[in-house]
PDB file of N, CA and C in Angstrom:
ATOM      1  N   MET A   1      97.563 126.413 166.943  1.00  0.00           N
ATOM      2  CA  MET A   1      96.298 125.946 166.495  1.00  0.00           C
ATOM      3  C   MET A   1      96.361 124.407 166.627  1.00  0.00           C
ATOM      4  N   LYS A   2      95.339 123.914 167.244  1.00  0.00           N
ATOM      5  CA  LYS A   2      95.274 122.453 167.390  1.00  0.00           C
ATOM      6  C   LYS A   2      93.862 121.922 167.175  1.00  0.00           C
ATOM      7  N   ILE A   3      93.727 120.748 166.782  1.00  0.00           N
ATOM      8  CA  ILE A   3      92.411 120.127 166.493  1.00  0.00           C
ATOM      9  C   ILE A   3      91.706 119.880 167.858  1.00  0.00           C
ATOM     10  N   HIS A   4      90.507 120.399 168.005  1.00  0.00           N
ATOM     11  CA  HIS A   4      89.674 120.194 169.205  1.00  0.00           C
ATOM     12  C   HIS A   4      88.773 118.976 169.071  1.00  0.00           C
ATOM     13  N   HIS A   5      88.010 118.918 167.938  1.00  0.00           N
ATOM     14  CA  HIS A   5      87.094 117.832 167.702  1.00  0.00           C
ATOM     15  C   HIS A   5      86.671 117.726 166.209  1.00  0.00           C
ATOM     16  N   THR A   6      85.958 116.597 165.905  1.00  0.00           N
ATOM     17  CA  THR A   6      85.391 116.400 164.639  1.00  0.00           C
ATOM     18  C   THR A   6      83.928 116.384 164.792  1.00  0.00           C
ATOM     19  N   GLY A   7      83.241 117.155 163.987  1.00  0.00           N
ATOM     20  CA  GLY A   7      81.721 117.281 164.059  1.00  0.00           C
ATOM     21  C   GLY A   7      81.146 116.294 163.097  1.00  0.00           C
ATOM     22  N   ILE A   8      80.146 115.494 163.640  1.00  0.00           N
ATOM     23  CA  ILE A   8      79.440 114.494 162.796  1.00  0.00           C
ATOM     24  C   ILE A   8      77.937 114.764 163.004  1.00  0.00           C
ATOM     25  N   ILE A   9      77.211 114.871 161.824  1.00  0.00           N
ATOM     26  CA  ILE A   9      75.778 115.082 161.875  1.00  0.00           C
ATOM     27  C   ILE A   9      75.191 113.680 161.991  1.00  0.00           C
ATOM     28  N   VAL A  10      74.146 113.571 162.854  1.00  0.00           N
ATOM     29  CA  VAL A  10      73.422 112.348 163.017  1.00  0.00           C
ATOM     30  C   VAL A  10      71.873 112.704 163.060  1.00  0.00           C
ATOM     31  N   ASP A  11      71.104 111.703 162.661  1.00  0.00           N
ATOM     32  CA  ASP A  11      69.663 111.943 162.618  1.00  0.00           C
ATOM     33  C   ASP A  11      68.957 111.525 163.945  1.00  0.00           C
ATOM     34  N   ASP A  12      69.687 110.728 164.766  1.00  0.00           N
ATOM     35  CA  ASP A  12      69.080 110.258 166.086  1.00  0.00           C
ATOM     36  C   ASP A  12      70.301 110.219 167.041  1.00  0.00           C
ATOM     37  N   LEU A  13      70.304 111.209 167.872  1.00  0.00           N
ATOM     38  CA  LEU A  13      71.496 111.365 168.796  1.00  0.00           C
ATOM     39  C   LEU A  13      71.630 110.229 169.761  1.00  0.00           C
ATOM     40  N   LYS A  14      70.569 109.730 170.366  1.00  0.00           N
ATOM     41  CA  LYS A  14      70.661 108.660 171.317  1.00  0.00           C
ATOM     42  C   LYS A  14      71.109 107.389 170.664  1.00  0.00           C
ATOM     43  N   LYS A  15      70.627 107.054 169.523  1.00  0.00           N
ATOM     44  CA  LYS A  15      70.983 105.867 168.749  1.00  0.00           C
ATOM     45  C   LYS A  15      72.466 105.877 168.432  1.00  0.00           C
ATOM     46  N   ASN A  16      72.938 107.076 168.012  1.00  0.00           N
ATOM     47  CA  ASN A  16      74.393 107.209 167.574  1.00  0.00           C
ATOM     48  C   ASN A  16      75.275 107.255 168.746  1.00  0.00           C
ATOM     49  N   ILE A  17      74.844 107.691 169.917  1.00  0.00           N
ATOM     50  CA  ILE A  17      75.593 107.593 171.140  1.00  0.00           C
ATOM     51  C   ILE A  17      76.001 106.170 171.429  1.00  0.00           C
ATOM     52  N   GLU A  18      74.994 105.291 171.241  1.00  0.00           N
ATOM     53  CA  GLU A  18      75.134 103.895 171.484  1.00  0.00           C
ATOM     54  C   GLU A  18      76.123 103.234 170.473  1.00  0.00           C
ATOM     55  N   ILE A  19      75.986 103.625 169.170  1.00  0.00           N
ATOM     56  CA  ILE A  19      76.872 103.177 168.135  1.00  0.00           C
ATOM     57  C   ILE A  19      78.316 103.496 168.509  1.00  0.00           C
ATOM     58  N   PHE A  20      78.550 104.755 168.827  1.00  0.00           N
ATOM     59  CA  PHE A  20      79.948 105.194 169.141  1.00  0.00           C
ATOM     60  C   PHE A  20      80.444 104.631 170.433  1.00  0.00           C
ATOM     61  N   ARG A  21      79.558 104.349 171.372  1.00  0.00           N
ATOM     62  CA  ARG A  21      79.996 103.641 172.599  1.00  0.00           C
ATOM     63  C   ARG A  21      80.531 102.278 172.262  1.00  0.00           C
ATOM     64  N   ALA A  22      79.843 101.616 171.297  1.00  0.00           N
ATOM     65  CA  ALA A  22      80.282 100.258 170.829  1.00  0.00           C
ATOM     66  C   ALA A  22      81.675 100.350 170.224  1.00  0.00           C
ATOM     67  N   LEU A  23      82.007 101.552 169.649  1.00  0.00           N
ATOM     68  CA  LEU A  23      83.332 101.716 168.965  1.00  0.00           C
ATOM     69  C   LEU A  23      84.334 102.204 170.030  1.00  0.00           C
ATOM     70  N   GLY A  24      84.024 102.255 171.258  1.00  0.00           N
ATOM     71  CA  GLY A  24      84.934 102.606 172.275  1.00  0.00           C
ATOM     72  C   GLY A  24      84.912 104.033 172.764  1.00  0.00           C
ATOM     73  N   TYR A  25      83.995 104.820 172.305  1.00  0.00           N
ATOM     74  CA  TYR A  25      83.833 106.129 172.800  1.00  0.00           C
ATOM     75  C   TYR A  25      83.035 106.210 174.030  1.00  0.00           C
ATOM     76  N   SER A  26      83.295 107.288 174.891  1.00  0.00           N
ATOM     77  CA  SER A  26      82.443 107.465 176.093  1.00  0.00           C
ATOM     78  C   SER A  26      82.003 108.948 176.127  1.00  0.00           C
ATOM     79  N   ILE A  27      80.822 109.117 176.671  1.00  0.00           N
ATOM     80  CA  ILE A  27      80.198 110.494 176.718  1.00  0.00           C
ATOM     81  C   ILE A  27      81.090 111.365 177.633  1.00  0.00           C
ATOM     82  N   SER A  28      81.453 112.561 177.147  1.00  0.00           N
ATOM     83  CA  SER A  28      82.290 113.404 177.883  1.00  0.00           C
ATOM     84  C   SER A  28      81.425 114.676 178.234  1.00  0.00           C
ATOM     85  N   THR A  29      80.274 114.907 177.713  1.00  0.00           N
ATOM     86  CA  THR A  29      79.354 115.962 178.109  1.00  0.00           C
ATOM     87  C   THR A  29      77.949 115.418 178.148  1.00  0.00           C
ATOM     88  N   ASP A  30      77.038 116.111 178.880  1.00  0.00           N
ATOM     89  CA  ASP A  30      75.660 115.853 178.782  1.00  0.00           C
ATOM     90  C   ASP A  30      75.193 116.273 177.423  1.00  0.00           C
ATOM     91  N   ILE A  31      73.979 115.807 177.040  1.00  0.00           N
ATOM     92  CA  ILE A  31      73.479 116.447 175.775  1.00  0.00           C
ATOM     93  C   ILE A  31      73.079 117.855 176.018  1.00  0.00           C
ATOM     94  N   VAL A  32      73.570 118.730 175.067  1.00  0.00           N
ATOM     95  CA  VAL A  32      73.373 120.179 175.224  1.00  0.00           C
ATOM     96  C   VAL A  32      72.403 120.647 174.168  1.00  0.00           C
ATOM     97  N   VAL A  33      71.335 121.349 174.498  1.00  0.00           N
ATOM     98  CA  VAL A  33      70.409 121.942 173.553  1.00  0.00           C
ATOM     99  C   VAL A  33      71.024 123.339 173.231  1.00  0.00           C
ATOM    100  N   ASP A  34      71.349 123.557 171.944  1.00  0.00           N
ATOM    101  CA  ASP A  34      71.812 124.860 171.535  1.00  0.00           C
ATOM    102  C   ASP A  34      70.707 125.662 170.839  1.00  0.00           C
ATOM    103  N   ASP A  35      70.038 126.533 171.543  1.00  0.00           N
ATOM    104  CA  ASP A  35      68.973 127.300 171.028  1.00  0.00           C
ATOM    105  C   ASP A  35      69.322 128.375 170.011  1.00  0.00           C
ATOM    106  N   ILE A  36      70.602 128.639 169.937  1.00  0.00           N
ATOM    107  CA  ILE A  36      71.095 129.589 168.939  1.00  0.00           C
ATOM    108  C   ILE A  36      71.098 129.019 167.583  1.00  0.00           C
ATOM    109  N   GLN A  37      71.684 127.779 167.419  1.00  0.00           N
ATOM    110  CA  GLN A  37      71.802 127.170 166.130  1.00  0.00           C
ATOM    111  C   GLN A  37      70.747 126.137 165.931  1.00  0.00           C
ATOM    112  N   HIS A  38      69.878 125.868 166.957  1.00  0.00           N
ATOM    113  CA  HIS A  38      68.794 124.873 166.940  1.00  0.00           C
ATOM    114  C   HIS A  38      69.348 123.456 166.711  1.00  0.00           C
ATOM    115  N   LEU A  39      70.225 123.096 167.641  1.00  0.00           N
ATOM    116  CA  LEU A  39      70.880 121.776 167.641  1.00  0.00           C
ATOM    117  C   LEU A  39      70.764 121.075 169.034  1.00  0.00           C
ATOM    118  N   ARG A  40      71.006 119.762 168.897  1.00  0.00           N
ATOM    119  CA  ARG A  40      71.254 118.987 170.149  1.00  0.00           C
ATOM    120  C   ARG A  40      72.641 118.344 169.892  1.00  0.00           C
ATOM    121  N   ILE A  41      73.429 118.507 170.931  1.00  0.00           N
ATOM    122  CA  ILE A  41      74.861 118.104 170.734  1.00  0.00           C
ATOM    123  C   ILE A  41      75.372 117.261 171.925  1.00  0.00           C
ATOM    124  N   CYS A  42      76.169 116.291 171.605  1.00  0.00           N
ATOM    125  CA  CYS A  42      76.866 115.522 172.657  1.00  0.00           C
ATOM    126  C   CYS A  42      78.360 115.274 172.256  1.00  0.00           C
ATOM    127  N   PHE A  43      79.280 115.565 173.158  1.00  0.00           N
ATOM    128  CA  PHE A  43      80.691 115.305 172.905  1.00  0.00           C
ATOM    129  C   PHE A  43      81.048 113.901 173.459  1.00  0.00           C
ATOM    130  N   MET A  44      81.801 113.116 172.704  1.00  0.00           N
ATOM    131  CA  MET A  44      82.337 111.849 173.071  1.00  0.00           C
ATOM    132  C   MET A  44      83.765 111.755 172.861  1.00  0.00           C
ATOM    133  N   ARG A  45      84.412 111.056 173.808  1.00  0.00           N
ATOM    134  CA  ARG A  45      85.896 110.905 173.756  1.00  0.00           C
ATOM    135  C   ARG A  45      86.348 109.523 173.506  1.00  0.00           C
ATOM    136  N   SER A  46      87.375 109.302 172.725  1.00  0.00           N
ATOM    137  CA  SER A  46      87.954 107.967 172.449  1.00  0.00           C
ATOM    138  C   SER A  46      88.444 107.341 173.678  1.00  0.00           C
ATOM    139  N   GLN A  47      88.602 105.979 173.731  1.00  0.00           N
ATOM    140  CA  GLN A  47      89.108 105.285 174.858  1.00  0.00           C
ATOM    141  C   GLN A  47      90.492 105.804 175.325  1.00  0.00           C
ATOM    142  N   ASP A  48      91.304 106.058 174.397  1.00  0.00           N
ATOM    143  CA  ASP A  48      92.658 106.574 174.721  1.00  0.00           C
ATOM    144  C   ASP A  48      92.715 108.065 175.083  1.00  0.00           C
ATOM    145  N   GLY A  49      91.547 108.720 174.947  1.00  0.00           N
ATOM    146  CA  GLY A  49      91.478 110.156 175.216  1.00  0.00           C
ATOM    147  C   GLY A  49      92.056 111.129 174.206  1.00  0.00           C
ATOM    148  N   THR A  50      92.430 110.553 173.106  1.00  0.00           N
ATOM    149  CA  THR A  50      93.134 111.480 172.077  1.00  0.00           C
ATOM    150  C   THR A  50      92.183 112.044 171.070  1.00  0.00           C
ATOM    151  N   GLN A  51      90.982 111.520 171.030  1.00  0.00           N
ATOM    152  CA  GLN A  51      90.029 112.065 169.956  1.00  0.00           C
ATOM    153  C   GLN A  51      88.704 112.399 170.604  1.00  0.00           C
ATOM    154  N   ILE A  52      88.152 113.526 170.139  1.00  0.00           N
ATOM    155  CA  ILE A  52      86.866 113.965 170.570  1.00  0.00           C
ATOM    156  C   ILE A  52      86.003 114.090 169.377  1.00  0.00           C
ATOM    157  N   ILE A  53      84.818 113.521 169.416  1.00  0.00           N
ATOM    158  CA  ILE A  53      83.782 113.730 168.350  1.00  0.00           C
ATOM    159  C   ILE A  53      82.647 114.529 168.922  1.00  0.00           C
ATOM    160  N   GLU A  54      82.013 115.267 168.086  1.00  0.00           N
ATOM    161  CA  GLU A  54      80.789 115.981 168.437  1.00  0.00           C
ATOM    162  C   GLU A  54      79.651 115.514 167.608  1.00  0.00           C
ATOM    163  N   LEU A  55      78.661 114.796 168.257  1.00  0.00           N
ATOM    164  CA  LEU A  55      77.564 114.351 167.578  1.00  0.00           C
ATOM    165  C   LEU A  55      76.519 115.458 167.555  1.00  0.00           C
ATOM    166  N   ILE A  56      75.974 115.756 166.395  1.00  0.00           N
ATOM    167  CA  ILE A  56      75.138 116.993 166.150  1.00  0.00           C
ATOM    168  C   ILE A  56      73.774 116.546 165.529  1.00  0.00           C
ATOM    169  N   GLU A  57      72.716 116.853 166.222  1.00  0.00           N
ATOM    170  CA  GLU A  57      71.390 116.427 165.707  1.00  0.00           C
ATOM    171  C   GLU A  57      70.609 117.742 165.487  1.00  0.00           C
ATOM    172  N   SER A  58      69.861 117.888 164.322  1.00  0.00           N
ATOM    173  CA  SER A  58      68.998 119.049 164.076  1.00  0.00           C
ATOM    174  C   SER A  58      67.956 119.009 165.129  1.00  0.00           C
ATOM    175  N   ASN A  59      67.566 120.242 165.594  1.00  0.00           N
ATOM    176  CA  ASN A  59      66.507 120.372 166.546  1.00  0.00           C
ATOM    177  C   ASN A  59      65.357 121.333 165.976  1.00  0.00           C
ATOM    178  N   GLY A  60      64.943 120.901 164.756  1.00  0.00           N
ATOM    179  CA  GLY A  60      63.886 121.706 164.225  1.00  0.00           C
ATOM    180  C   GLY A  60      64.238 122.226 162.791  1.00  0.00           C
ATOM    181  N   ASP A  61      63.161 122.664 162.078  1.00  0.00           N
ATOM    182  CA  ASP A  61      63.354 123.131 160.712  1.00  0.00           C
ATOM    183  C   ASP A  61      64.231 124.352 160.497  1.00  0.00           C
ATOM    184  N   THR A  62      64.477 125.067 161.553  1.00  0.00           N
ATOM    185  CA  THR A  62      65.277 126.319 161.565  1.00  0.00           C
ATOM    186  C   THR A  62      66.794 126.005 161.861  1.00  0.00           C
ATOM    187  N   SER A  63      67.149 124.729 162.100  1.00  0.00           N
ATOM    188  CA  SER A  63      68.451 124.329 162.434  1.00  0.00           C
ATOM    189  C   SER A  63      69.424 124.683 161.373  1.00  0.00           C
ATOM    190  N   SER A  64      70.655 124.991 161.779  1.00  0.00           N
ATOM    191  CA  SER A  64      71.695 125.251 160.773  1.00  0.00           C
ATOM    192  C   SER A  64      72.128 124.075 159.947  1.00  0.00           C
ATOM    193  N   ILE A  65      71.683 122.901 160.392  1.00  0.00           N
ATOM    194  CA  ILE A  65      72.119 121.638 159.562  1.00  0.00           C
ATOM    195  C   ILE A  65      70.823 120.872 159.144  1.00  0.00           C
ATOM    196  N   HIS A  66      69.684 121.472 159.173  1.00  0.00           N
ATOM    197  CA  HIS A  66      68.391 120.817 158.888  1.00  0.00           C
ATOM    198  C   HIS A  66      68.439 120.015 157.620  1.00  0.00           C
ATOM    199  N   ASN A  67      69.067 120.507 156.527  1.00  0.00           N
ATOM    200  CA  ASN A  67      69.041 119.801 155.237  1.00  0.00           C
ATOM    201  C   ASN A  67      70.280 119.007 154.987  1.00  0.00           C
ATOM    202  N   PHE A  68      71.141 118.840 155.990  1.00  0.00           N
ATOM    203  CA  PHE A  68      72.354 118.054 155.837  1.00  0.00           C
ATOM    204  C   PHE A  68      72.077 116.522 156.087  1.00  0.00           C
ATOM    205  N   LYS A  69      72.896 115.743 155.354  1.00  0.00           N
ATOM    206  CA  LYS A  69      72.793 114.287 155.594  1.00  0.00           C
ATOM    207  C   LYS A  69      73.680 113.859 156.740  1.00  0.00           C
ATOM    208  N   ASN A  70      73.456 112.651 157.216  1.00  0.00           N
ATOM    209  CA  ASN A  70      74.326 112.070 158.283  1.00  0.00           C
ATOM    210  C   ASN A  70      75.722 111.998 157.829  1.00  0.00           C
ATOM    211  N   GLY A  71      76.725 112.219 158.688  1.00  0.00           N
ATOM    212  CA  GLY A  71      78.124 111.983 158.318  1.00  0.00           C
ATOM    213  C   GLY A  71      78.999 113.186 158.734  1.00  0.00           C
ATOM    214  N   TYR A  72      80.174 113.150 158.324  1.00  0.00           N
ATOM    215  CA  TYR A  72      81.211 114.155 158.631  1.00  0.00           C
ATOM    216  C   TYR A  72      80.628 115.548 158.285  1.00  0.00           C
ATOM    217  N   HIS A  73      80.841 116.516 159.173  1.00  0.00           N
ATOM    218  CA  HIS A  73      80.411 117.874 158.910  1.00  0.00           C
ATOM    219  C   HIS A  73      81.664 118.796 158.921  1.00  0.00           C
ATOM    220  N   HIS A  74      82.441 118.791 159.971  1.00  0.00           N
ATOM    221  CA  HIS A  74      83.561 119.741 160.160  1.00  0.00           C
ATOM    222  C   HIS A  74      84.679 119.183 161.066  1.00  0.00           C
ATOM    223  N   VAL A  75      85.845 119.832 160.880  1.00  0.00           N
ATOM    224  CA  VAL A  75      86.863 119.699 161.913  1.00  0.00           C
ATOM    225  C   VAL A  75      86.924 121.080 162.651  1.00  0.00           C
ATOM    226  N   CYS A  76      87.081 120.969 163.943  1.00  0.00           N
ATOM    227  CA  CYS A  76      87.097 122.223 164.783  1.00  0.00           C
ATOM    228  C   CYS A  76      88.584 122.377 165.314  1.00  0.00           C
ATOM    229  N   TYR A  77      89.047 123.602 165.090  1.00  0.00           N
ATOM    230  CA  TYR A  77      90.380 124.000 165.597  1.00  0.00           C
ATOM    231  C   TYR A  77      90.250 124.894 166.767  1.00  0.00           C
ATOM    232  N   ASP A  78      91.023 124.748 167.845  1.00  0.00           N
ATOM    233  CA  ASP A  78      91.125 125.753 168.841  1.00  0.00           C
ATOM    234  C   ASP A  78      92.192 126.727 168.549  1.00  0.00           C
ATOM    235  N   VAL A  79      91.748 127.965 168.272  1.00  0.00           N
ATOM    236  CA  VAL A  79      92.712 129.052 167.941  1.00  0.00           C
ATOM    237  C   VAL A  79      92.722 130.165 169.005  1.00  0.00           C
ATOM    238  N   SER A  80      92.188 129.845 170.236  1.00  0.00           N
ATOM    239  CA  SER A  80      91.946 130.864 171.281  1.00  0.00           C
ATOM    240  C   SER A  80      93.277 131.467 171.654  1.00  0.00           C
ATOM    241  N   GLU A  81      94.376 130.887 171.389  1.00  0.00           N
ATOM    242  CA  GLU A  81      95.715 131.544 171.777  1.00  0.00           C
ATOM    243  C   GLU A  81      96.236 132.445 170.703  1.00  0.00           C
ATOM    244  N   CYS A  82      95.521 132.481 169.537  1.00  0.00           N
ATOM    245  CA  CYS A  82      96.014 133.304 168.417  1.00  0.00           C
ATOM    246  C   CYS A  82      95.308 134.681 168.435  1.00  0.00           C
ATOM    247  N   ASP A  83      96.000 135.733 168.550  1.00  0.00           N
ATOM    248  CA  ASP A  83      95.496 137.093 168.507  1.00  0.00           C
ATOM    249  C   ASP A  83      94.904 137.365 167.127  1.00  0.00           C
ATOM    250  N   ASP A  84      93.819 137.952 166.978  1.00  0.00           N
ATOM    251  CA  ASP A  84      93.221 138.388 165.690  1.00  0.00           C
ATOM    252  C   ASP A  84      93.200 137.181 164.666  1.00  0.00           C
ATOM    253  N   PHE A  85      92.694 136.055 165.053  1.00  0.00           N
ATOM    254  CA  PHE A  85      92.671 134.932 164.131  1.00  0.00           C
ATOM    255  C   PHE A  85      91.915 135.244 162.879  1.00  0.00           C
ATOM    256  N   ILE A  86      90.760 136.007 162.989  1.00  0.00           N
ATOM    257  CA  ILE A  86      89.987 136.301 161.894  1.00  0.00           C
ATOM    258  C   ILE A  86      90.754 137.023 160.817  1.00  0.00           C
ATOM    259  N   GLY A  87      91.469 138.007 161.216  1.00  0.00           N
ATOM    260  CA  GLY A  87      92.314 138.762 160.329  1.00  0.00           C
ATOM    261  C   GLY A  87      93.461 137.843 159.658  1.00  0.00           C
ATOM    262  N   TYR A  88      94.021 137.035 160.525  1.00  0.00           N
ATOM    263  CA  TYR A  88      95.056 136.049 160.040  1.00  0.00           C
ATOM    264  C   TYR A  88      94.377 135.117 158.984  1.00  0.00           C
ATOM    265  N   PHE A  89      93.202 134.577 159.246  1.00  0.00           N
ATOM    266  CA  PHE A  89      92.523 133.695 158.298  1.00  0.00           C
ATOM    267  C   PHE A  89      92.235 134.361 156.989  1.00  0.00           C
ATOM    268  N   LYS A  90      91.723 135.604 157.004  1.00  0.00           N
ATOM    269  CA  LYS A  90      91.433 136.351 155.805  1.00  0.00           C
ATOM    270  C   LYS A  90      92.738 136.588 154.960  1.00  0.00           C
ATOM    271  N   LYS A  91      93.803 136.896 155.580  1.00  0.00           N
ATOM    272  CA  LYS A  91      95.078 137.046 154.924  1.00  0.00           C
ATOM    273  C   LYS A  91      95.529 135.819 154.227  1.00  0.00           C
ATOM    274  N   MET A  92      95.303 134.667 154.768  1.00  0.00           N
ATOM    275  CA  MET A  92      95.749 133.384 154.135  1.00  0.00           C
ATOM    276  C   MET A  92      95.007 133.126 152.885  1.00  0.00           C
ATOM    277  N   LYS A  93      93.801 133.649 152.691  1.00  0.00           N
ATOM    278  CA  LYS A  93      93.021 133.495 151.449  1.00  0.00           C
ATOM    279  C   LYS A  93      92.811 131.952 151.105  1.00  0.00           C
ATOM    280  N   ILE A  94      92.469 131.216 152.120  1.00  0.00           N
ATOM    281  CA  ILE A  94      92.246 129.832 151.899  1.00  0.00           C
ATOM    282  C   ILE A  94      90.789 129.440 152.021  1.00  0.00           C
ATOM    283  N   GLY A  95      89.947 130.367 152.291  1.00  0.00           N
ATOM    284  CA  GLY A  95      88.503 130.120 152.420  1.00  0.00           C
ATOM    285  C   GLY A  95      87.745 131.385 152.843  1.00  0.00           C
ATOM    286  N   LYS A  96      86.478 131.203 153.156  1.00  0.00           N
ATOM    287  CA  LYS A  96      85.589 132.266 153.518  1.00  0.00           C
ATOM    288  C   LYS A  96      84.870 131.975 154.838  1.00  0.00           C
ATOM    289  N   ILE A  97      84.895 132.875 155.777  1.00  0.00           N
ATOM    290  CA  ILE A  97      84.189 132.843 157.021  1.00  0.00           C
ATOM    291  C   ILE A  97      82.754 133.163 156.687  1.00  0.00           C
ATOM    292  N   PHE A  98      81.790 132.299 157.116  1.00  0.00           N
ATOM    293  CA  PHE A  98      80.425 132.433 156.706  1.00  0.00           C
ATOM    294  C   PHE A  98      79.522 132.728 157.900  1.00  0.00           C
ATOM    295  N   THR A  99      80.035 132.833 159.139  1.00  0.00           N
ATOM    296  CA  THR A  99      79.252 133.223 160.287  1.00  0.00           C
ATOM    297  C   THR A  99      79.978 134.342 160.974  1.00  0.00           C
ATOM    298  N   LYS A 100      79.192 135.110 161.768  1.00  0.00           N
ATOM    299  CA  LYS A 100      79.730 136.038 162.720  1.00  0.00           C
ATOM    300  C   LYS A 100      80.088 135.146 163.944  1.00  0.00           C
ATOM    301  N   PRO A 101      80.942 135.658 164.844  1.00  0.00           N
ATOM    302  CA  PRO A 101      81.216 134.880 166.126  1.00  0.00           C
ATOM    303  C   PRO A 101      79.947 134.492 166.819  1.00  0.00           C
ATOM    304  N   ILE A 102      79.841 133.146 167.170  1.00  0.00           N
ATOM    305  CA  ILE A 102      78.624 132.600 167.698  1.00  0.00           C
ATOM    306  C   ILE A 102      78.985 132.134 169.161  1.00  0.00           C
ATOM    307  N   ILE A 103      78.152 132.268 170.073  1.00  0.00           N
ATOM    308  CA  ILE A 103      78.351 131.655 171.385  1.00  0.00           C
ATOM    309  C   ILE A 103      77.894 130.269 171.283  1.00  0.00           C
ATOM    310  N   ALA A 104      78.768 129.358 171.739  1.00  0.00           N
ATOM    311  CA  ALA A 104      78.540 127.924 171.635  1.00  0.00           C
ATOM    312  C   ALA A 104      78.252 127.387 173.016  1.00  0.00           C
ATOM    313  N   PRO A 105      76.967 127.120 173.325  1.00  0.00           N
ATOM    314  CA  PRO A 105      76.653 126.548 174.663  1.00  0.00           C
ATOM    315  C   PRO A 105      77.315 125.200 174.933  1.00  0.00           C
ATOM    316  N   ALA A 106      77.539 124.394 173.919  1.00  0.00           N
ATOM    317  CA  ALA A 106      78.093 123.068 174.092  1.00  0.00           C
ATOM    318  C   ALA A 106      79.683 123.210 174.487  1.00  0.00           C
ATOM    319  N   LEU A 107      80.199 124.341 174.111  1.00  0.00           N
ATOM    320  CA  LEU A 107      81.557 124.615 174.486  1.00  0.00           C
ATOM    321  C   LEU A 107      81.748 125.624 175.691  1.00  0.00           C
ATOM    322  N   HIS A 108      80.795 125.554 176.518  1.00  0.00           N
ATOM    323  CA  HIS A 108      80.787 126.356 177.746  1.00  0.00           C
ATOM    324  C   HIS A 108      80.773 127.918 177.450  1.00  0.00           C
ATOM    325  N   GLY A 109      80.054 128.271 176.399  1.00  0.00           N
ATOM    326  CA  GLY A 109      79.870 129.702 176.038  1.00  0.00           C
ATOM    327  C   GLY A 109      81.091 130.317 175.314  1.00  0.00           C
ATOM    328  N   ARG A 110      81.945 129.469 174.844  1.00  0.00           N
ATOM    329  CA  ARG A 110      83.114 129.990 174.038  1.00  0.00           C
ATOM    330  C   ARG A 110      82.604 130.488 172.704  1.00  0.00           C
ATOM    331  N   GLN A 111      83.281 131.479 172.111  1.00  0.00           N
ATOM    332  CA  GLN A 111      82.878 131.993 170.803  1.00  0.00           C
ATOM    333  C   GLN A 111      83.553 131.200 169.706  1.00  0.00           C
ATOM    334  N   VAL A 112      82.765 130.921 168.645  1.00  0.00           N
ATOM    335  CA  VAL A 112      83.193 130.092 167.541  1.00  0.00           C
ATOM    336  C   VAL A 112      82.774 130.868 166.220  1.00  0.00           C
ATOM    337  N   ILE A 113      83.499 130.489 165.178  1.00  0.00           N
ATOM    338  CA  ILE A 113      83.072 130.928 163.872  1.00  0.00           C
ATOM    339  C   ILE A 113      83.218 129.681 162.915  1.00  0.00           C
ATOM    340  N   PHE A 114      82.501 129.738 161.811  1.00  0.00           N
ATOM    341  CA  PHE A 114      82.563 128.647 160.777  1.00  0.00           C
ATOM    342  C   PHE A 114      83.076 129.259 159.512  1.00  0.00           C
ATOM    343  N   ALA A 115      83.802 128.443 158.784  1.00  0.00           N
ATOM    344  CA  ALA A 115      84.351 128.843 157.485  1.00  0.00           C
ATOM    345  C   ALA A 115      84.253 127.672 156.465  1.00  0.00           C
ATOM    346  N   CYS A 116      84.207 128.096 155.253  1.00  0.00           N
ATOM    347  CA  CYS A 116      84.282 126.998 154.195  1.00  0.00           C
ATOM    348  C   CYS A 116      85.614 127.261 153.469  1.00  0.00           C
ATOM    349  N   LEU A 117      86.388 126.217 153.430  1.00  0.00           N
ATOM    350  CA  LEU A 117      87.737 126.291 152.835  1.00  0.00           C
ATOM    351  C   LEU A 117      87.549 126.275 151.342  1.00  0.00           C
ATOM    352  N   ASN A 118      88.547 126.715 150.600  1.00  0.00           N
ATOM    353  CA  ASN A 118      88.515 126.702 149.121  1.00  0.00           C
ATOM    354  C   ASN A 118      88.286 125.297 148.576  1.00  0.00           C
ATOM    355  N   ASN A 119      88.575 124.298 149.293  1.00  0.00           N
ATOM    356  CA  ASN A 119      88.334 122.885 148.813  1.00  0.00           C
ATOM    357  C   ASN A 119      86.940 122.410 149.127  1.00  0.00           C
ATOM    358  N   GLY A 120      86.096 123.258 149.744  1.00  0.00           N
ATOM    359  CA  GLY A 120      84.725 122.899 149.999  1.00  0.00           C
ATOM    360  C   GLY A 120      84.463 122.362 151.395  1.00  0.00           C
ATOM    361  N   MET A 121      85.445 122.181 152.138  1.00  0.00           N
ATOM    362  CA  MET A 121      85.374 121.550 153.475  1.00  0.00           C
ATOM    363  C   MET A 121      84.995 122.681 154.525  1.00  0.00           C
ATOM    364  N   PHE A 122      84.077 122.301 155.463  1.00  0.00           N
ATOM    365  CA  PHE A 122      83.679 123.217 156.575  1.00  0.00           C
ATOM    366  C   PHE A 122      84.631 123.015 157.695  1.00  0.00           C
ATOM    367  N   VAL A 123      85.059 124.116 158.304  1.00  0.00           N
ATOM    368  CA  VAL A 123      85.901 124.120 159.531  1.00  0.00           C
ATOM    369  C   VAL A 123      85.181 125.044 160.577  1.00  0.00           C
ATOM    370  N   GLU A 124      85.467 124.745 161.768  1.00  0.00           N
ATOM    371  CA  GLU A 124      85.065 125.604 162.901  1.00  0.00           C
ATOM    372  C   GLU A 124      86.243 125.981 163.646  1.00  0.00           C
ATOM    373  N   PHE A 125      86.260 127.254 164.201  1.00  0.00           N
ATOM    374  CA  PHE A 125      87.352 127.765 164.891  1.00  0.00           C
ATOM    375  C   PHE A 125      86.836 128.268 166.257  1.00  0.00           C
ATOM    376  N   ILE A 126      87.357 127.800 167.361  1.00  0.00           N
ATOM    377  CA  ILE A 126      87.169 128.247 168.678  1.00  0.00           C
ATOM    378  C   ILE A 126      88.017 129.465 168.895  1.00  0.00           C
ATOM    379  N   LEU A 127      87.403 130.631 169.089  1.00  0.00           N
ATOM    380  CA  LEU A 127      88.071 131.869 169.251  1.00  0.00           C
ATOM    381  C   LEU A 127      88.473 132.300 170.648  1.00  0.00           C
ATOM    382  N   SER A 128      87.611 131.906 171.651  1.00  0.00           N
ATOM    383  CA  SER A 128      87.830 132.358 173.019  1.00  0.00           C
ATOM    384  C   SER A 128      88.002 131.137 173.915  1.00  0.00           C
ATOM    385  N   ARG A 129      88.566 131.485 175.143  1.00  0.00           N
ATOM    386  CA  ARG A 129      88.752 130.448 176.151  1.00  0.00           C
ATOM    387  C   ARG A 129      87.549 130.303 176.996  1.00  0.00           C
TER     388      ARG A 129
END
């Protein structure tokens, strides 16, 4: 299991792309419209290439983040090499999965799930390659 990215909710994607560019990040993907979760997403990479952030903007009232404020949203872990991660996560009893596997267009169609840890933090897990 390794960290893939940190998700950050923003109210204006283009404005925040410029803010993070000033902090040394560069765009690593085009803006992706996710019609499943009703989001607009852009991934950016740090200058040294060690960090990826996902800027997430609501794309309407039915968006999964419509009522969230700007700021940190989740850490995403790549668990695609772990067989039966969902079963493993449930056995750990450290939180609850609150979505079924979702196809993530911004991650080239890979399957993801979201969970809320017992400490209240959201996490995302990439299940497939």
